[in-house]
Amino acid sequence: MQNVIVVGAGIWGASLALRLAESGRRVTLIERLDGADPRRASAGETRLVRSAHGTSEFYARMAWESTREWLALNERAGEPLFLPQGVMWFGREADGWEVRSAEVLKALDIPCTLLDPAEAAMFYPEMRHDDLATVLYEPEAGVVRARRATEVVTGLAQDAGVTLVRGEARPAGRGVAVDGEVLGADQVVWACGAWLPGLFDGLPITVTRQDTTHFAAGWTDVPAFCDYSGSAYGHGDVGGHGMKITSDVEGEPGFDPDTPRGDVLAASERRARDYLARRFPSLAGVPLSLTQVCQYAVTPDAEWVIAEIDDGVWVLGGDSGHGFKHAPVLSAYVTSVLNGEAAVDPRFGLHPRENARGLRTSGET
């Protein structure tokens, strides 16, 4: 039986460890931060699950397949980790990103429809739509409870035989040094998010600070929403944390993921309130209910990094922004690569990347 070490128990690492163990591998999963630590990439309360990815059939198909897997995880876990409340894309141009996304989704038979903005407004207690030309509605998309889902998947991995090791990991050839002890393996996968660029040189990954804001509004069971041109996204109250309104504009690069987490920037709250005033004006003055200082680990084109940097040593990263939702299917893909059953798509290589926004929820840098 081959031995694999996966470094990083975020949703990518935990999902991969579970999939590898269920395929017959002996797996060690290493993580130094506990589940409540706000520095963890998967510590946020929620993530969106959506299939629209501009003109990309590859990511649209993978996201749709992952949606089915998230529903299956609900059944397996016996609790609602994925909430299929739908996602609205607020389109400000009659032939913009939303329309191009709809064309791809329809070609793949993924449920969606283009709505008149006034029709879309009926899904919310109130919504200003005078600046919108169309709305793309994905009725089977929704919200995943990110932190809880990561906990559940990690637990399922342990149930499947994965050994969870707590400690700080450093590269040691085809092994991993954990607090001074070197663990060997046939393969090592480094899936440690924003910490990857600090461990390996030459990765096309930038780490930025991203502030998340929730407001004390009790709108429940409303569709999540993305405003691609407005670079904002959010959803109604999930789990009593309030209504999420967050900017997808990337923060300044060079953020240290080990930075202690405090309050969000005043500019982040102001940007969120400005969006509320524009789209949901009655909520513009409601108090904050939850804030989180998070980070993105992004590539310029939002294509991920899946690369063998040494014999049996792999890096898996660049996931932030749109990676969480894909974890169930991506883990199967990476497992097939590690098993020698599939080759890595060249898009995931270490080549130079050009800036592109088509895969993200935001058209603004």
Protein backbone atom coordinates (compact mmCIF):
# COMPACT_ATOMS: atom_id res chain seq x y z
CA MET A 1 0.00 0.00 0.00
CA GLN A 2 1.47 3.36 -1.03
CA ASN A 3 1.90 6.06 1.56
CA VAL A 4 0.85 9.66 0.83
CA ILE A 5 1.31 12.74 2.99
CA VAL A 6 -1.06 15.66 2.45
CA VAL A 7 0.01 18.93 4.07
CA GLY A 8 -2.88 21.25 4.86
CA ALA A 9 -6.30 20.23 6.16
CA GLY A 10 -8.33 22.93 4.47
CA ILE A 11 -11.14 21.78 2.21
CA TRP A 12 -8.76 20.84 -0.63
CA GLY A 13 -6.36 18.89 1.56
CA ALA A 14 -9.07 17.20 3.63
CA SER A 15 -11.09 16.23 0.53
CA LEU A 16 -7.98 14.83 -1.16
CA ALA A 17 -6.99 12.86 1.94
CA LEU A 18 -10.48 11.35 2.14
CA ARG A 19 -10.51 10.43 -1.55
CA LEU A 20 -7.02 8.90 -1.39
CA ALA A 21 -7.86 6.83 1.67
CA GLU A 22 -11.04 5.54 0.06
CA SER A 23 -9.01 4.57 -3.02
CA GLY A 24 -6.76 2.36 -0.90
CA ARG A 25 -3.88 4.65 0.01
CA ARG A 26 -2.34 5.02 3.47
CA VAL A 27 -2.65 8.75 4.15
CA THR A 28 -1.21 11.16 6.70
CA LEU A 29 -2.85 14.59 6.86
CA ILE A 30 -0.81 17.35 8.53
CA GLU A 31 -2.31 20.55 9.92
CA ARG A 32 -0.89 22.97 12.49
CA LEU A 33 -3.94 25.18 13.12
CA ASP A 34 -7.10 24.04 14.84
CA GLY A 35 -10.49 24.40 13.21
CA ALA A 36 -11.41 27.59 15.07
CA ASP A 37 -8.22 29.46 14.15
CA PRO A 38 -9.24 32.46 12.00
CA ARG A 39 -6.01 32.25 9.98
CA ARG A 40 -7.10 29.02 8.29
CA ALA A 41 -8.14 29.46 4.67
CA SER A 42 -11.24 27.31 5.22
CA ALA A 43 -12.17 28.96 8.53
CA GLY A 44 -14.72 31.33 6.98
CA GLU A 45 -18.36 30.60 7.70
CA THR A 46 -19.56 30.34 4.10
CA ARG A 47 -18.59 30.03 0.44
CA LEU A 48 -20.71 30.25 -2.69
CA VAL A 49 -21.31 27.22 -4.89
CA ARG A 50 -22.04 28.33 -8.46
CA SER A 51 -21.46 26.95 -11.92
CA ALA A 52 -21.21 30.20 -13.90
CA HIS A 53 -17.57 30.81 -14.86
CA GLY A 54 -17.80 33.08 -17.88
CA THR A 55 -16.85 31.26 -21.07
CA SER A 56 -15.12 28.33 -19.33
CA GLU A 57 -16.83 24.99 -19.92
CA PHE A 58 -14.12 23.24 -17.89
CA TYR A 59 -14.87 25.00 -14.60
CA ALA A 60 -18.62 25.19 -15.20
CA ARG A 61 -18.78 21.43 -15.66
CA MET A 62 -16.58 20.73 -12.63
CA ALA A 63 -18.62 23.08 -10.44
CA TRP A 64 -21.88 21.47 -11.51
CA GLU A 65 -20.52 18.00 -10.77
CA SER A 66 -19.33 19.29 -7.40
CA THR A 67 -22.82 20.59 -6.66
CA ARG A 68 -24.08 17.00 -6.90
CA GLU A 69 -21.24 15.91 -4.60
CA TRP A 70 -22.10 18.59 -2.04
CA LEU A 71 -25.69 17.32 -1.95
CA ALA A 72 -24.38 13.80 -1.45
CA LEU A 73 -22.22 15.04 1.41
CA ASN A 74 -25.36 16.45 3.05
CA GLU A 75 -26.81 12.94 3.04
CA ARG A 76 -23.60 11.35 4.23
CA ALA A 77 -23.08 13.83 7.05
CA GLY A 78 -26.73 13.93 8.07
CA GLU A 79 -26.75 17.71 8.20
CA PRO A 80 -27.22 20.59 5.73
CA LEU A 81 -23.69 21.61 4.78
CA PHE A 82 -24.73 22.82 1.34
CA LEU A 83 -27.81 25.04 1.09
CA PRO A 84 -29.15 25.07 -2.51
CA GLN A 85 -30.86 28.46 -2.23
CA GLY A 86 -29.90 29.60 -5.72
CA VAL A 87 -27.51 32.31 -6.90
CA MET A 88 -28.42 35.51 -8.75
CA TRP A 89 -25.88 37.25 -10.99
CA PHE A 90 -26.70 40.95 -11.32
CA GLY A 91 -25.81 41.96 -14.88
CA ARG A 92 -25.24 45.59 -15.73
CA GLU A 93 -24.75 44.99 -19.46
CA ALA A 94 -27.24 43.41 -21.85
CA ASP A 95 -24.53 41.25 -23.44
CA GLY A 96 -22.02 41.04 -20.58
CA TRP A 97 -20.34 38.30 -18.55
CA GLU A 98 -23.66 36.97 -17.27
CA VAL A 99 -25.06 36.36 -20.76
CA ARG A 100 -21.88 34.63 -21.88
CA SER A 101 -21.99 32.46 -18.78
CA ALA A 102 -25.61 31.56 -19.47
CA GLU A 103 -24.71 30.40 -22.97
CA VAL A 104 -22.13 27.99 -21.55
CA LEU A 105 -24.44 26.70 -18.82
CA LYS A 106 -27.26 26.05 -21.29
CA ALA A 107 -24.90 24.22 -23.64
CA LEU A 108 -23.94 21.95 -20.72
CA ASP A 109 -27.58 21.47 -19.61
CA ILE A 110 -26.87 23.16 -16.27
CA PRO A 111 -30.08 24.77 -14.93
CA CYS A 112 -30.15 28.53 -15.38
CA THR A 113 -32.34 31.28 -16.72
CA LEU A 114 -31.97 34.95 -17.62
CA LEU A 115 -34.48 37.08 -15.74
CA ASP A 116 -35.76 40.58 -16.13
CA PRO A 117 -34.33 42.58 -13.20
CA ALA A 118 -37.81 43.39 -11.90
CA GLU A 119 -38.61 39.68 -11.83
CA ALA A 120 -35.38 38.93 -9.96
CA ALA A 121 -36.19 41.64 -7.38
CA MET A 122 -39.23 39.63 -6.29
CA PHE A 123 -36.91 37.06 -4.66
CA TYR A 124 -35.79 39.60 -2.01
CA PRO A 125 -37.70 41.70 0.55
CA GLU A 126 -36.41 44.70 -1.39
CA MET A 127 -33.91 45.27 -4.17
CA ARG A 128 -33.00 48.26 -6.32
CA HIS A 129 -32.44 47.18 -9.90
CA ASP A 130 -32.51 50.37 -11.97
CA ASP A 131 -28.83 49.86 -12.93
CA LEU A 132 -29.32 46.27 -14.13
CA ALA A 133 -29.90 45.01 -17.66
CA THR A 134 -30.41 41.32 -16.87
CA VAL A 135 -30.02 38.78 -14.08
CA LEU A 136 -28.63 35.28 -14.48
CA TYR A 137 -30.32 32.86 -12.06
CA GLU A 138 -28.81 29.52 -11.11
CA PRO A 139 -31.64 27.86 -9.14
CA GLU A 140 -29.61 24.86 -7.93
CA ALA A 141 -26.54 26.81 -6.82
CA GLY A 142 -26.22 28.09 -3.28
CA VAL A 143 -24.10 28.41 -0.16
CA VAL A 144 -21.86 25.89 1.61
CA ARG A 145 -21.13 26.21 5.33
CA ALA A 146 -17.38 26.27 4.77
CA ARG A 147 -15.88 25.90 8.22
CA ARG A 148 -18.31 23.18 9.23
CA ALA A 149 -17.94 21.35 5.92
CA THR A 150 -14.15 21.27 6.37
CA GLU A 151 -14.57 19.85 9.87
CA VAL A 152 -16.93 17.15 8.60
CA VAL A 153 -14.72 16.14 5.67
CA THR A 154 -11.68 15.96 7.98
CA GLY A 155 -13.66 13.73 10.32
CA LEU A 156 -14.76 11.48 7.47
CA ALA A 157 -11.15 11.22 6.36
CA GLN A 158 -10.12 10.05 9.82
CA ASP A 159 -12.98 7.55 9.82
CA ALA A 160 -11.58 6.24 6.52
CA GLY A 161 -8.20 5.62 8.13
CA VAL A 162 -6.37 8.92 7.58
CA THR A 163 -3.91 9.80 10.34
CA LEU A 164 -4.20 13.45 11.37
CA VAL A 165 -0.93 14.94 12.65
CA ARG A 166 -0.81 18.33 14.35
CA GLY A 167 2.36 20.34 13.81
CA GLU A 168 4.25 22.76 11.59
CA ALA A 169 5.43 21.15 8.35
CA ARG A 170 8.51 22.02 6.31
CA PRO A 171 9.77 20.44 3.06
CA ALA A 172 12.32 17.64 3.49
CA GLY A 173 12.85 16.11 0.05
CA ARG A 174 10.25 13.41 -0.55
CA GLY A 175 9.22 13.79 3.03
CA VAL A 176 7.97 16.32 5.52
CA ALA A 177 9.67 17.64 8.62
CA VAL A 178 7.06 18.10 11.35
CA ASP A 179 8.38 19.85 14.43
CA GLY A 180 11.81 18.34 13.82
CA GLU A 181 10.72 14.79 12.93
CA VAL A 182 10.94 13.77 9.26
CA LEU A 183 8.05 11.73 7.91
CA GLY A 184 8.69 9.86 4.66
CA ALA A 185 6.21 8.95 1.95
CA ASP A 186 5.91 7.72 -1.61
CA GLN A 187 4.20 11.00 -2.51
CA VAL A 188 3.74 14.34 -0.76
CA VAL A 189 1.07 16.89 -1.67
CA TRP A 190 1.48 20.40 -0.33
CA ALA A 191 -2.05 21.86 -0.19
CA CYS A 192 -1.44 24.60 2.34
CA GLY A 193 -3.01 27.58 0.60
CA ALA A 194 -1.52 30.98 1.40
CA TRP A 195 1.53 29.37 3.02
CA LEU A 196 2.68 27.74 -0.24
CA PRO A 197 4.62 30.74 -1.66
CA GLY A 198 6.62 30.93 1.55
CA LEU A 199 7.65 27.28 1.24
CA PHE A 200 8.42 27.04 -2.48
CA ASP A 201 9.95 29.64 -4.79
CA GLY A 202 8.63 30.39 -8.25
CA LEU A 203 4.94 29.67 -7.74
CA PRO A 204 2.60 32.04 -9.62
CA ILE A 205 0.60 32.68 -6.45
CA THR A 206 0.00 36.01 -4.72
CA VAL A 207 -1.40 36.32 -1.19
CA THR A 208 -3.75 39.22 -0.46
CA ARG A 209 -5.78 40.36 2.53
CA GLN A 210 -9.55 40.03 2.13
CA ASP A 211 -12.03 41.42 4.66
CA THR A 212 -15.43 39.78 5.08
CA THR A 213 -18.45 41.55 6.57
CA HIS A 214 -21.83 40.28 7.77
CA PHE A 215 -24.65 42.59 8.78
CA ALA A 216 -27.45 42.09 11.30
CA ALA A 217 -30.22 41.53 8.77
CA GLY A 218 -32.46 38.50 9.17
CA TRP A 219 -33.10 37.81 5.50
CA THR A 220 -33.22 34.03 5.29
CA ASP A 221 -33.88 31.66 2.38
CA VAL A 222 -33.10 34.28 -0.25
CA PRO A 223 -30.78 33.52 -3.17
CA ALA A 224 -27.13 34.34 -2.83
CA PHE A 225 -25.97 37.00 -5.28
CA CYS A 226 -22.95 38.18 -7.23
CA ASP A 227 -22.47 41.54 -8.90
CA TYR A 228 -19.65 40.83 -11.34
CA SER A 229 -19.22 44.39 -12.58
CA GLY A 230 -19.70 45.75 -9.05
CA SER A 231 -17.18 43.29 -7.58
CA ALA A 232 -19.49 42.36 -4.70
CA TYR A 233 -21.13 39.16 -3.57
CA GLY A 234 -23.10 37.88 -0.62
CA HIS A 235 -26.07 35.97 0.70
CA GLY A 236 -28.83 36.10 3.29
CA ASP A 237 -28.52 35.07 6.92
CA VAL A 238 -27.00 31.60 7.29
CA GLY A 239 -26.68 30.18 10.78
CA GLY A 240 -27.54 33.43 12.53
CA HIS A 241 -24.41 35.24 11.35
CA GLY A 242 -26.29 37.90 9.43
CA MET A 243 -26.35 38.93 5.80
CA LYS A 244 -22.98 38.66 4.07
CA ILE A 245 -21.84 41.47 1.79
CA THR A 246 -18.22 41.28 0.69
CA SER A 247 -15.98 42.78 -1.96
CA ASP A 248 -14.08 40.48 -4.32
CA VAL A 249 -11.60 43.18 -5.24
CA GLU A 250 -8.16 41.85 -4.35
CA GLY A 251 -6.37 43.52 -1.46
CA GLU A 252 -2.74 44.58 -1.44
CA PRO A 253 -0.35 41.70 -2.24
CA GLY A 254 2.20 40.41 0.22
CA PHE A 255 -0.16 39.63 3.09
CA ASP A 256 1.41 37.31 5.69
CA PRO A 257 -1.13 34.55 6.45
CA ASP A 258 0.31 34.22 9.97
CA THR A 259 -0.74 37.79 10.78
CA PRO A 260 -2.93 37.90 13.94
CA ARG A 261 -6.50 38.65 12.99
CA GLY A 262 -8.21 41.77 14.29
CA ASP A 263 -10.85 44.13 12.99
CA VAL A 264 -11.58 44.62 9.32
CA LEU A 265 -10.41 47.82 7.67
CA ALA A 266 -12.73 50.81 7.87
CA ALA A 267 -12.55 51.01 4.07
CA SER A 268 -13.85 47.43 3.80
CA GLU A 269 -16.90 48.18 5.93
CA ARG A 270 -17.50 51.40 4.01
CA ARG A 271 -17.35 49.60 0.66
CA ALA A 272 -19.85 47.00 1.87
CA ARG A 273 -22.22 49.66 3.22
CA ASP A 274 -22.00 51.58 -0.04
CA TYR A 275 -23.12 48.45 -1.84
CA LEU A 276 -25.99 47.89 0.58
CA ALA A 277 -27.11 51.49 0.08
CA ARG A 278 -27.16 50.93 -3.68
CA ARG A 279 -28.76 47.47 -3.85
CA PHE A 280 -30.64 46.95 -0.56
CA PRO A 281 -31.01 50.50 0.82
CA SER A 282 -33.03 49.67 3.93
CA LEU A 283 -30.03 47.70 5.23
CA ALA A 284 -27.43 50.43 4.74
CA GLY A 285 -27.44 51.42 8.41
CA VAL A 286 -27.78 48.06 10.16
CA PRO A 287 -24.94 47.10 12.51
CA LEU A 288 -22.22 44.61 11.76
CA SER A 289 -22.83 41.14 13.17
CA LEU A 290 -19.65 39.31 12.12
CA THR A 291 -16.37 40.30 10.52
CA GLN A 292 -13.42 38.17 9.46
CA VAL A 293 -9.97 39.03 8.12
CA CYS A 294 -9.25 36.35 5.53
CA GLN A 295 -6.76 35.89 2.71
CA TYR A 296 -6.73 34.92 -0.93
CA ALA A 297 -3.95 32.87 -2.49
CA VAL A 298 -4.53 33.61 -6.15
CA THR A 299 -2.89 33.22 -9.53
CA PRO A 300 -3.16 36.03 -12.09
CA ASP A 301 -5.59 34.07 -14.28
CA ALA A 302 -7.38 32.24 -11.42
CA GLU A 303 -6.29 28.90 -12.92
CA TRP A 304 -5.00 26.65 -10.13
CA VAL A 305 -1.53 25.22 -9.62
CA ILE A 306 -1.20 21.43 -9.73
CA ALA A 307 2.43 20.60 -10.36
CA GLU A 308 5.05 18.00 -9.51
CA ILE A 309 8.05 20.08 -8.45
CA ASP A 310 10.26 17.12 -7.58
CA ASP A 311 9.95 13.36 -7.91
CA GLY A 312 6.81 12.52 -5.95
CA VAL A 313 6.44 16.03 -4.51
CA TRP A 314 3.38 17.99 -5.60
CA VAL A 315 2.02 21.46 -4.95
CA LEU A 316 -1.71 22.15 -5.07
CA GLY A 317 -2.79 25.75 -4.68
CA GLY A 318 -3.96 29.07 -6.07
CA ASP A 319 -7.42 28.07 -4.93
CA SER A 320 -8.84 31.21 -3.37
CA GLY A 321 -11.72 33.08 -4.90
CA HIS A 322 -13.41 30.16 -6.58
CA GLY A 323 -11.67 26.99 -5.44
CA PHE A 324 -13.67 25.86 -2.41
CA LYS A 325 -16.76 24.81 -4.34
CA HIS A 326 -14.77 22.50 -6.62
CA ALA A 327 -13.14 20.47 -3.84
CA PRO A 328 -15.18 17.24 -4.12
CA VAL A 329 -14.50 16.76 -7.84
CA LEU A 330 -11.02 18.27 -7.82
CA SER A 331 -9.97 15.73 -5.19
CA ALA A 332 -11.04 12.90 -7.50
CA TYR A 333 -9.09 14.49 -10.36
CA VAL A 334 -5.91 14.88 -8.31
CA THR A 335 -6.27 11.33 -7.00
CA SER A 336 -6.36 10.04 -10.58
CA VAL A 337 -3.22 12.08 -11.33
CA LEU A 338 -1.38 10.70 -8.31
CA ASN A 339 -2.45 7.18 -9.27
CA GLY A 340 -0.99 7.67 -12.75
CA GLU A 341 -4.42 7.34 -14.35
CA ALA A 342 -4.54 10.89 -15.75
CA ALA A 343 -2.11 13.58 -16.83
CA VAL A 344 -2.18 17.08 -15.40
CA ASP A 345 -3.91 19.60 -17.62
CA PRO A 346 -1.27 22.12 -18.84
CA ARG A 347 -3.41 25.00 -17.57
CA PHE A 348 -2.29 24.08 -14.04
CA GLY A 349 1.45 24.32 -14.72
CA LEU A 350 4.11 26.69 -13.41
CA HIS A 351 4.20 28.75 -16.62
CA PRO A 352 3.86 32.56 -16.57
CA ARG A 353 0.24 33.67 -16.23
CA GLU A 354 -1.56 36.66 -17.70
CA ASN A 355 -4.12 38.61 -15.70
CA ALA A 356 -7.72 37.52 -16.35
CA ARG A 357 -10.92 37.84 -14.34
CA GLY A 358 -13.36 35.58 -16.18
CA LEU A 359 -13.35 32.80 -13.57
CA ARG A 360 -13.95 35.05 -10.58
CA THR A 361 -17.03 36.69 -9.09
CA SER A 362 -15.46 40.07 -9.77
CA GLY A 363 -14.51 41.88 -12.93
CA GLU A 364 -12.47 44.50 -11.07
CA THR A 365 -8.86 44.12 -9.92
